[in-house]
Amino acid sequence: MTAFRFTNREGVARYGRYRISPAAGIEHLDAAATKNKDANYLFDELTQRIVGGPIQFDIQVQITDEGDIVDDATVHWPLDRRLVQFGSIVLSARADDEDQQQKRIIFDPIPRVDGIEPSDDPLLELRAAIYLLSGRRRRQASESQAQASKVV
């Protein structure tokens, strides 16, 4: 997991890694349980769960200790590192124009908000560049498809 530098209002900065987990708990399915499931079963299940009520994910940040490596996402930190409650994400509905939104959204792994900065992990900049390139191509394909359908 990628580390980020979190700075509070007093200017104190610490590195940490996000931990996002479903408030309802984690359930692992083995190969037998998934054998006959459709390729989109997780998306379909998500839709069914939202109909039943909001779905919440808890966000925590695992804080580094002295000497922890923060510029290499492949290095695991010990599980005993302190976890700080950071917030939550609540899903209450699917977007009406979800298909169009998916074609327009470009994921950026680098936070662009005050108080959260990327670490010096060289993969972050590379990932950001690749996601931007991929997103631009997806947008171009979507726009080309939309223009072609207007011509017909």
Protein backbone atom coordinates (compact mmCIF):
# COMPACT_ATOMS: atom_id res chain seq x y z
CA MET A 1 0.00 0.00 0.00
CA THR A 2 1.13 3.49 -0.78
CA ALA A 3 2.05 5.81 2.08
CA PHE A 4 0.94 9.42 2.25
CA ARG A 5 2.10 12.31 4.42
CA PHE A 6 -0.72 13.61 6.63
CA THR A 7 -0.25 17.06 8.21
CA ASN A 8 -2.59 18.34 10.93
CA ARG A 9 -3.61 21.94 11.70
CA GLU A 10 -0.66 22.37 14.05
CA GLY A 11 1.76 21.40 11.29
CA VAL A 12 2.64 18.00 12.75
CA ALA A 13 3.19 15.51 9.92
CA ARG A 14 3.19 11.71 9.96
CA TYR A 15 3.14 9.12 7.23
CA GLY A 16 0.30 6.65 7.01
CA ARG A 17 -1.54 4.22 4.79
CA TYR A 18 -5.27 4.04 4.22
CA ARG A 19 -7.25 1.05 5.47
CA ILE A 20 -10.75 0.92 3.97
CA SER A 21 -13.05 -1.84 5.16
CA PRO A 22 -16.79 -2.52 5.01
CA ALA A 23 -18.56 -1.67 8.27
CA ALA A 24 -20.60 -4.88 7.86
CA GLY A 25 -17.42 -6.95 7.98
CA ILE A 26 -15.37 -8.88 5.48
CA GLU A 27 -16.49 -12.17 3.97
CA HIS A 28 -14.15 -14.25 1.86
CA LEU A 29 -15.60 -16.59 -0.74
CA ASP A 30 -13.72 -19.71 -1.73
CA ALA A 31 -13.47 -21.10 -5.26
CA ALA A 32 -16.48 -23.38 -4.76
CA ALA A 33 -18.70 -20.45 -3.73
CA THR A 34 -17.74 -18.40 -6.78
CA LYS A 35 -17.61 -21.21 -9.35
CA ASN A 36 -21.09 -20.67 -10.81
CA LYS A 37 -21.30 -16.92 -10.31
CA ASP A 38 -21.52 -14.45 -13.19
CA ALA A 39 -18.48 -12.28 -13.89
CA ASN A 40 -20.43 -9.23 -12.64
CA TYR A 41 -21.84 -10.80 -9.49
CA LEU A 42 -20.05 -8.38 -7.17
CA PHE A 43 -21.52 -5.37 -8.99
CA ASP A 44 -24.96 -6.99 -8.99
CA GLU A 45 -24.68 -7.74 -5.28
CA LEU A 46 -23.69 -4.15 -4.59
CA THR A 47 -26.84 -2.93 -6.32
CA GLN A 48 -28.98 -5.34 -4.27
CA ARG A 49 -27.34 -4.23 -1.02
CA ILE A 50 -27.88 -0.54 -1.78
CA VAL A 51 -31.59 -1.20 -2.35
CA GLY A 52 -31.66 -2.70 1.16
CA GLY A 53 -30.08 0.41 2.68
CA PRO A 54 -26.89 2.46 2.67
CA ILE A 55 -23.55 0.64 2.63
CA GLN A 56 -20.78 2.06 4.78
CA PHE A 57 -17.03 1.68 4.52
CA ASP A 58 -14.82 2.78 7.40
CA ILE A 59 -11.61 4.63 6.59
CA GLN A 60 -8.66 4.37 8.95
CA VAL A 61 -5.05 5.41 8.56
CA GLN A 62 -2.26 3.14 9.77
CA ILE A 63 0.43 5.46 11.21
CA THR A 64 4.15 4.78 10.79
CA ASP A 65 6.63 4.20 13.54
CA GLU A 66 10.20 5.43 13.43
CA GLY A 67 12.16 3.60 10.75
CA ASP A 68 9.19 2.38 8.70
CA ILE A 69 9.77 2.57 4.95
CA VAL A 70 7.39 5.06 3.36
CA ASP A 71 8.61 5.22 -0.24
CA ASP A 72 8.04 1.61 -1.29
CA ALA A 73 4.48 0.27 -1.36
CA THR A 74 5.72 -3.33 -1.56
CA VAL A 75 7.12 -3.18 1.98
CA HIS A 76 4.60 -4.29 4.59
CA TRP A 77 4.42 -2.55 7.94
CA PRO A 78 3.87 -4.56 11.12
CA LEU A 79 0.21 -5.03 12.02
CA ASP A 80 0.74 -3.46 15.44
CA ARG A 81 0.98 0.05 13.98
CA ARG A 82 -1.58 2.48 15.41
CA LEU A 83 -4.81 2.95 13.45
CA VAL A 84 -6.53 6.34 13.45
CA GLN A 85 -10.19 6.73 12.49
CA PHE A 86 -10.21 8.98 9.41
CA GLY A 87 -13.80 8.95 8.17
CA SER A 88 -16.27 6.88 6.22
CA ILE A 89 -17.76 6.43 2.79
CA VAL A 90 -21.49 5.78 2.52
CA LEU A 91 -23.06 4.44 -0.68
CA SER A 92 -26.78 5.18 -0.77
CA ALA A 93 -27.58 4.95 -4.49
CA ARG A 94 -26.04 4.24 -7.84
CA ALA A 95 -25.50 7.19 -10.17
CA ASP A 96 -28.33 7.61 -12.67
CA ASP A 97 -25.85 8.01 -15.51
CA GLU A 98 -23.31 5.52 -14.15
CA ASP A 99 -22.21 4.21 -17.56
CA GLN A 100 -21.45 7.74 -18.78
CA GLN A 101 -19.73 8.65 -15.50
CA GLN A 102 -17.43 5.63 -15.78
CA LYS A 103 -16.34 6.78 -19.22
CA ARG A 104 -15.52 10.30 -17.94
CA ILE A 105 -13.86 9.67 -14.58
CA ILE A 106 -10.07 9.58 -14.39
CA PHE A 107 -8.66 8.09 -11.20
CA ASP A 108 -5.75 9.99 -9.68
CA PRO A 109 -3.78 8.07 -7.03
CA ILE A 110 -2.14 11.28 -5.82
CA PRO A 111 -4.27 13.26 -3.35
CA ARG A 112 -4.84 16.84 -4.40
CA VAL A 113 -6.08 18.19 -1.06
CA ASP A 114 -4.52 20.29 1.66
CA GLY A 115 -2.89 18.26 4.42
CA ILE A 116 -2.34 15.05 2.43
CA GLU A 117 0.73 14.69 0.23
CA PRO A 118 2.22 11.78 -1.68
CA SER A 119 5.28 10.01 -0.38
CA ASP A 120 8.41 9.76 -2.50
CA ASP A 121 7.33 6.36 -3.84
CA PRO A 122 8.34 6.54 -7.54
CA LEU A 123 5.38 4.38 -8.56
CA LEU A 124 2.89 7.09 -7.58
CA GLU A 125 3.86 9.49 -10.37
CA LEU A 126 4.00 6.61 -12.86
CA ARG A 127 0.56 5.36 -11.83
CA ALA A 128 -0.88 8.88 -12.06
CA ALA A 129 0.51 9.30 -15.59
CA ILE A 130 -0.82 5.93 -16.75
CA TYR A 131 -4.29 6.52 -15.28
CA LEU A 132 -4.41 9.94 -16.95
CA LEU A 133 -3.42 8.46 -20.32
CA SER A 134 -5.94 5.65 -19.98
CA GLY A 135 -8.71 8.03 -18.93
CA ARG A 136 -8.06 10.36 -21.84
CA ARG A 137 -8.21 7.45 -24.28
CA ARG A 138 -11.45 6.22 -22.72
CA ARG A 139 -12.95 9.71 -23.02
CA GLN A 140 -11.85 10.03 -26.65
CA ALA A 141 -13.36 6.65 -27.49
CA SER A 142 -16.60 7.60 -25.77
CA GLU A 143 -16.78 10.96 -27.57
CA SER A 144 -16.00 9.34 -30.92
CA GLN A 145 -18.73 6.77 -30.32
CA ALA A 146 -21.22 9.51 -29.39
CA GLN A 147 -20.38 11.52 -32.54
CA ALA A 148 -20.69 8.43 -34.72
CA SER A 149 -24.14 7.69 -33.32
CA LYS A 150 -25.27 11.26 -34.14
CA VAL A 151 -24.20 10.84 -37.77
CA VAL A 152 -26.24 7.67 -38.26
